């Protein structure tokens, strides 16, 4: 297939078999109705009222493919005169009120819309004498660019999906840590820091236990928190782990099973961060805060084994 034919075919696939039309109030010919064609094909097919023995003239702002005019039951029209940019139609006496005939025209230029479809509705006497048809033209190149952009977005999404699937296919537990080089021969080591942690007064929050852990690439803190009676439930939304110079470890996850209820047994918050062994000399401070409120808790003198 020659390149020009492929371009036309792509245009036809993009705009569909027919382009919908929408009437507008103004026209350049007194008494004429104006129809504007949308390149996206939104709206419904325009009806045109015709009558037996009366002439209806369609005036187009673009050149027609004169040999490609398709009129349903053409033999029931006494005149179908196709000009360079005009189409004159006269139904014959064999048509009866209420009959409907599909009319499709094709435009010679490669812009969209490439076709227009009308529904000719027979009335006993009230034929529309003149109708102006305007194309809101859009070039095939703009559709081709949209296709290229859409393909690029699809490829990006496929890549992201493949990455996510790959990550979720990694086994959990020690196997997952080994696959991702998260363990060295020393394994995962931990320590209890409950008595060593410096607690900054918070809004009705306090830490009841504190443990820290380290693997070859990750650190984690496991904090038990209680909420005083009469306060609202509390849930950690974010966390930071900073050293004395203000440098932060990259927090990967803040986990909490359920909100911590006031006056109860408390709850557990686990914070995981990215930290090669050389970056965990410490000490650090840990800050936890809630999503939609002012309450936070800060714990100092945090070290990792």
Protein backbone atom coordinates (compact mmCIF):
# COMPACT_ATOMS: atom_id res chain seq x y z
CA UNK A 1 0.00 0.00 0.00
CA UNK A 2 1.48 3.40 -0.95
CA UNK A 3 2.29 5.79 1.95
CA UNK A 4 -0.42 8.24 0.95
CA UNK A 5 -3.03 5.47 1.07
CA UNK A 6 -1.86 4.41 4.52
CA UNK A 7 -2.20 7.99 5.78
CA UNK A 8 -5.74 8.25 4.43
CA UNK A 9 -6.61 4.84 5.91
CA UNK A 10 -5.29 5.89 9.32
CA UNK A 11 -7.34 9.05 9.13
CA UNK A 12 -10.48 7.10 8.33
CA UNK A 13 -9.88 4.70 11.22
CA UNK A 14 -9.40 7.57 13.62
CA UNK A 15 -12.40 9.60 12.64
CA UNK A 16 -14.72 6.62 12.08
CA UNK A 17 -17.14 5.97 9.30
CA UNK A 18 -18.92 9.26 9.76
CA UNK A 19 -18.39 12.59 11.45
CA UNK A 20 -21.19 13.94 13.56
CA UNK A 21 -22.55 17.38 12.85
CA UNK A 22 -23.99 20.09 15.03
CA UNK A 23 -26.15 22.93 13.73
CA UNK A 24 -25.22 26.51 14.49
CA UNK A 25 -27.40 29.57 14.48
CA UNK A 26 -25.46 31.87 12.15
CA UNK A 27 -24.75 31.49 8.43
CA UNK A 28 -23.41 33.66 5.63
CA UNK A 29 -26.44 33.09 3.35
CA UNK A 30 -29.71 34.73 4.55
CA UNK A 31 -32.20 32.06 5.57
CA UNK A 32 -29.66 29.25 5.37
CA UNK A 33 -28.95 26.86 8.19
CA UNK A 34 -25.35 26.38 9.27
CA UNK A 35 -23.93 22.99 10.23
CA UNK A 36 -20.46 22.59 11.75
CA UNK A 37 -18.71 19.24 11.59
CA UNK A 38 -16.61 18.12 14.54
CA UNK A 39 -13.33 16.32 13.82
CA UNK A 40 -13.81 14.22 16.95
CA UNK A 41 -17.20 12.95 15.80
CA UNK A 42 -19.17 14.07 18.86
CA UNK A 43 -22.92 14.65 18.78
CA UNK A 44 -25.53 13.16 16.44
CA UNK A 45 -25.95 12.98 12.66
CA UNK A 46 -27.66 16.09 11.28
CA UNK A 47 -31.12 15.81 9.78
CA UNK A 48 -31.92 17.71 6.59
CA UNK A 49 -35.54 18.24 5.59
CA UNK A 50 -36.31 17.65 1.89
CA UNK A 51 -39.55 17.58 -0.11
CA UNK A 52 -40.65 15.95 -3.38
CA UNK A 53 -40.04 18.26 -6.36
CA UNK A 54 -38.25 20.92 -4.26
CA UNK A 55 -34.53 21.68 -4.39
CA UNK A 56 -32.22 21.49 -1.37
CA UNK A 57 -28.70 22.89 -1.79
CA UNK A 58 -25.79 21.95 0.51
CA UNK A 59 -22.86 24.38 0.36
CA UNK A 60 -19.54 23.07 1.68
CA UNK A 61 -16.43 25.04 2.61
CA UNK A 62 -14.21 22.19 1.31
CA UNK A 63 -13.86 20.44 -2.01
CA UNK A 64 -15.79 17.17 -2.35
CA UNK A 65 -14.78 13.83 -3.78
CA UNK A 66 -17.50 13.99 -6.41
CA UNK A 67 -17.23 10.30 -7.32
CA UNK A 68 -17.57 9.17 -3.68
CA UNK A 69 -21.03 10.57 -2.85
CA UNK A 70 -23.24 7.82 -1.42
CA UNK A 71 -27.01 8.37 -1.36
CA UNK A 72 -29.37 5.66 -0.18
CA UNK A 73 -32.06 4.75 -2.80
CA UNK A 74 -30.58 7.24 -5.25
CA UNK A 75 -33.09 6.21 -7.92
CA UNK A 76 -35.83 7.88 -5.86
CA UNK A 77 -34.30 11.31 -6.46
CA UNK A 78 -34.98 13.14 -9.68
CA UNK A 79 -31.80 15.24 -9.34
CA UNK A 80 -28.48 14.67 -7.56
CA UNK A 81 -26.08 17.33 -8.83
CA UNK A 82 -22.58 17.23 -7.30
CA UNK A 83 -20.36 20.24 -7.82
CA UNK A 84 -16.86 21.01 -6.65
CA UNK A 85 -18.12 22.10 -3.22
CA UNK A 86 -21.90 21.91 -3.64
CA UNK A 87 -24.58 19.25 -3.63
CA UNK A 88 -28.10 19.86 -4.97
CA UNK A 89 -30.81 17.29 -4.25
CA UNK A 90 -34.40 17.03 -5.51
CA UNK A 91 -36.49 14.06 -4.28
CA UNK A 92 -38.84 12.55 -6.85
CA UNK A 93 -42.60 12.09 -6.47
CA UNK A 94 -41.96 8.47 -5.45
CA UNK A 95 -40.79 9.64 -2.03
CA UNK A 96 -43.40 9.93 0.69
CA UNK A 97 -43.51 12.01 3.91
CA UNK A 98 -41.58 10.31 6.70
CA UNK A 99 -39.12 8.55 4.40
CA UNK A 100 -35.49 8.83 5.47
CA UNK A 101 -32.40 8.47 3.30
CA UNK A 102 -28.77 8.34 4.41
CA UNK A 103 -26.37 10.65 2.59
CA UNK A 104 -22.58 10.45 2.96
CA UNK A 105 -20.05 12.78 1.38
CA UNK A 106 -16.25 12.56 1.35
CA UNK A 107 -13.87 15.50 1.30
CA UNK A 108 -10.87 15.67 -1.01
CA UNK A 109 -8.33 17.07 1.47
CA UNK A 110 -6.55 14.85 3.99
CA UNK A 111 -7.79 16.77 7.02
CA UNK A 112 -10.30 15.45 9.50
CA UNK A 113 -13.22 15.13 9.33
CA UNK A 114 -12.80 13.18 6.11
CA UNK A 115 -16.50 12.33 5.78
CA UNK A 116 -19.86 13.75 6.74
CA UNK A 117 -23.17 11.91 7.13
CA UNK A 118 -26.64 13.42 6.88
CA UNK A 119 -30.13 11.99 7.27
CA UNK A 120 -32.53 13.30 4.62
CA UNK A 121 -36.05 13.41 6.06
CA UNK A 122 -38.94 13.81 3.60
CA UNK A 123 -41.60 16.44 4.40
CA UNK A 124 -44.62 17.15 2.17
CA UNK A 125 -43.69 20.79 1.55
CA UNK A 126 -41.13 22.30 3.96
CA UNK A 127 -37.82 21.51 2.29
CA UNK A 128 -34.75 23.39 3.53
CA UNK A 129 -33.58 25.42 0.56
CA UNK A 130 -29.95 26.09 1.56
CA UNK A 131 -27.62 24.57 4.14
CA UNK A 132 -24.03 25.66 4.76
CA UNK A 133 -21.65 22.95 6.01
CA UNK A 134 -18.37 23.90 7.69
CA UNK A 135 -15.54 21.61 8.76
CA UNK A 136 -13.60 22.26 11.95
CA UNK A 137 -10.61 20.80 10.19
CA UNK A 138 -7.87 18.86 11.91
CA UNK A 139 -4.91 17.40 10.05
CA UNK A 140 -4.10 13.72 10.01
CA UNK A 141 -0.65 14.63 11.40
CA UNK A 142 -2.21 15.76 14.69
CA UNK A 143 -3.95 12.40 15.04
CA UNK A 144 -0.69 10.62 14.22
CA UNK A 145 1.04 12.58 16.97
CA UNK A 146 -1.71 11.60 19.40
CA UNK A 147 -1.20 7.96 18.44
CA UNK A 148 2.56 8.27 19.03
CA UNK A 149 2.00 9.93 22.40
CA UNK A 150 -0.53 7.27 23.40
CA UNK A 151 1.86 4.47 22.42
CA UNK A 152 4.66 6.07 24.46
CA UNK A 153 2.35 6.31 27.48
CA UNK A 154 1.30 2.67 27.06
CA UNK A 155 4.94 1.58 26.94
CA UNK A 156 5.71 3.62 30.06
CA UNK A 157 2.77 2.06 31.90
CA UNK A 158 3.79 -1.44 30.78
CA UNK A 159 7.30 -0.84 32.08
CA UNK A 160 5.99 0.39 35.41
CA UNK A 161 3.62 -2.57 35.67
CA UNK A 162 6.43 -5.02 34.87
CA UNK A 163 8.59 -3.43 37.57
CA UNK A 164 5.80 -3.69 40.15
CA UNK A 165 5.04 -7.31 39.21
CA UNK A 166 8.73 -8.16 39.42
CA UNK A 167 8.98 -6.63 42.88
CA UNK A 168 5.93 -8.53 44.12
CA UNK A 169 7.23 -11.80 42.70
CA UNK A 170 10.25 -11.68 45.03
CA UNK A 171 9.60 -14.11 47.92
CA UNK A 172 9.18 -12.74 51.41
CA UNK A 173 11.05 -13.61 54.59
CA UNK A 174 14.73 -14.56 54.60
CA UNK A 175 14.57 -15.79 50.99
CA UNK A 176 13.52 -12.35 49.80
CA UNK A 177 16.27 -10.68 51.82
CA UNK A 178 18.86 -13.04 50.36
CA UNK A 179 17.68 -12.48 46.78
CA UNK A 180 17.92 -8.72 47.24
CA UNK A 181 21.30 -8.95 49.02
CA UNK A 182 19.68 -7.66 52.19
CA UNK A 183 21.66 -10.07 54.38
CA UNK A 184 25.37 -10.42 55.04
CA UNK A 185 26.90 -13.34 56.99
CA UNK A 186 26.04 -11.51 60.19
CA UNK A 187 22.34 -11.74 59.41
CA UNK A 188 19.85 -9.33 60.94
CA UNK A 189 20.86 -8.01 64.35
CA UNK A 190 18.75 -6.19 66.86
CA UNK A 191 18.90 -4.49 70.21
CA UNK A 192 16.55 -3.28 72.93
CA UNK A 193 16.78 0.48 73.54
CA UNK A 194 13.74 1.09 75.73
CA UNK A 195 15.75 2.41 78.69
CA UNK A 196 18.24 4.39 76.58
CA UNK A 197 15.77 6.38 74.47
CA UNK A 198 15.41 10.08 75.23
CA UNK A 199 11.72 10.94 75.06
CA UNK A 200 10.51 14.39 74.05
CA UNK A 201 7.14 15.28 75.66
CA UNK A 202 4.32 14.86 73.19
CA UNK A 203 0.60 15.58 73.08
CA UNK A 204 -0.58 12.65 75.14
CA UNK A 205 1.74 10.13 73.48
CA UNK A 206 4.58 8.15 74.98
CA UNK A 207 6.80 5.26 73.98
CA UNK A 208 6.60 2.15 76.10
CA UNK A 209 9.13 0.03 74.21
CA UNK A 210 11.80 0.54 71.56
CA UNK A 211 13.82 -1.98 69.57
CA UNK A 212 16.15 -1.34 66.64
CA UNK A 213 17.37 -3.68 63.88
CA UNK A 214 19.91 -3.63 61.09
CA UNK A 215 20.65 -5.74 58.02
CA UNK A 216 23.31 -5.08 55.40
CA UNK A 217 21.26 -2.37 53.69
CA UNK A 218 18.30 -1.58 55.91
CA UNK A 219 17.48 -0.42 59.40
CA UNK A 220 14.19 -0.63 61.27
CA UNK A 221 12.79 0.62 64.54
CA UNK A 222 9.90 -1.06 66.37
CA UNK A 223 8.17 1.33 68.77
CA UNK A 224 5.39 0.62 71.24
CA UNK A 225 3.21 3.71 71.78
CA UNK A 226 0.35 4.47 74.16
CA UNK A 227 -2.22 7.29 74.01
CA UNK A 228 -3.53 8.94 77.17
CA UNK A 229 -7.15 8.50 78.18
CA UNK A 230 -9.58 11.08 76.84
CA UNK A 231 -7.53 11.81 73.71
CA UNK A 232 -8.41 10.87 70.15
CA UNK A 233 -7.08 7.67 68.55
CA UNK A 234 -3.68 8.14 66.93
CA UNK A 235 -2.13 6.74 63.78
CA UNK A 236 1.36 7.46 62.43
CA UNK A 237 1.32 8.94 58.96
CA UNK A 238 5.00 9.77 58.45
CA UNK A 239 8.42 9.55 60.04
CA UNK A 240 11.95 10.95 59.86
CA UNK A 241 15.22 9.50 61.15
CA UNK A 242 17.95 12.17 61.46
CA UNK A 243 21.51 12.17 62.72
CA UNK A 244 23.04 14.99 64.75
CA UNK A 245 23.98 16.97 61.64
CA UNK A 246 20.40 16.89 60.35
CA UNK A 247 21.06 14.33 57.62
CA UNK A 248 18.07 12.02 57.10
CA UNK A 249 17.94 8.35 56.33
CA UNK A 250 15.59 7.49 53.47
CA UNK A 251 12.40 6.19 55.09
CA UNK A 252 10.91 3.38 53.00
CA UNK A 253 7.88 2.39 55.02
CA UNK A 254 5.85 3.35 58.09
CA UNK A 255 3.70 0.44 59.23
CA UNK A 256 0.91 0.44 61.81
CA UNK A 257 -1.83 -2.18 61.87
CA UNK A 258 -4.61 -0.11 63.44
CA UNK A 259 -5.06 3.28 65.12
CA UNK A 260 -3.90 3.33 68.74
CA UNK A 261 -6.87 3.76 71.05
CA UNK A 262 -6.65 6.03 74.12
CA UNK A 263 -6.24 4.45 77.53
CA UNK A 264 -5.65 1.00 76.12
CA UNK A 265 -2.75 -1.39 75.72
CA UNK A 266 -1.13 0.77 73.06
CA UNK A 267 -0.01 -0.12 69.60
CA UNK A 268 3.02 -0.86 67.50
CA UNK A 269 4.68 1.30 64.83
CA UNK A 270 7.52 -0.02 62.64
CA UNK A 271 9.65 2.35 60.56
CA UNK A 272 11.98 0.95 57.90
CA UNK A 273 14.73 3.01 56.28
CA UNK A 274 17.46 2.59 53.73
CA UNK A 275 20.90 2.71 55.34
CA UNK A 276 24.18 1.03 54.31
CA UNK A 277 26.28 -0.07 57.27
CA UNK A 278 28.55 2.99 57.05
CA UNK A 279 25.55 5.32 57.47
CA UNK A 280 24.22 3.96 60.76
CA UNK A 281 26.80 5.24 63.22
CA UNK A 282 24.26 7.46 65.00
CA UNK A 283 22.93 8.46 67.34
CA UNK A 284 19.71 9.42 65.58
CA UNK A 285 16.40 11.00 66.47
CA UNK A 286 13.11 9.47 65.35
CA UNK A 287 10.03 11.63 64.84
CA UNK A 288 6.55 10.24 64.17
CA UNK A 289 3.48 12.34 63.33
CA UNK A 290 -0.19 11.85 62.56
CA UNK A 291 -1.90 12.71 59.26
CA UNK A 292 -4.59 15.22 60.18
CA UNK A 293 -3.55 16.56 63.57
CA UNK A 294 -0.77 18.24 65.53
CA UNK A 295 0.27 15.29 67.71
CA UNK A 296 3.76 13.90 67.19
CA UNK A 297 6.39 12.07 69.24
CA UNK A 298 10.17 12.48 69.05
CA UNK A 299 12.62 9.90 70.40
CA UNK A 300 16.32 10.66 70.68
CA UNK A 301 19.52 8.66 71.25
CA UNK A 302 18.44 6.04 68.69
CA UNK A 303 21.26 3.69 67.69
CA UNK A 304 21.44 0.60 65.53
CA UNK A 305 23.44 -2.57 66.23
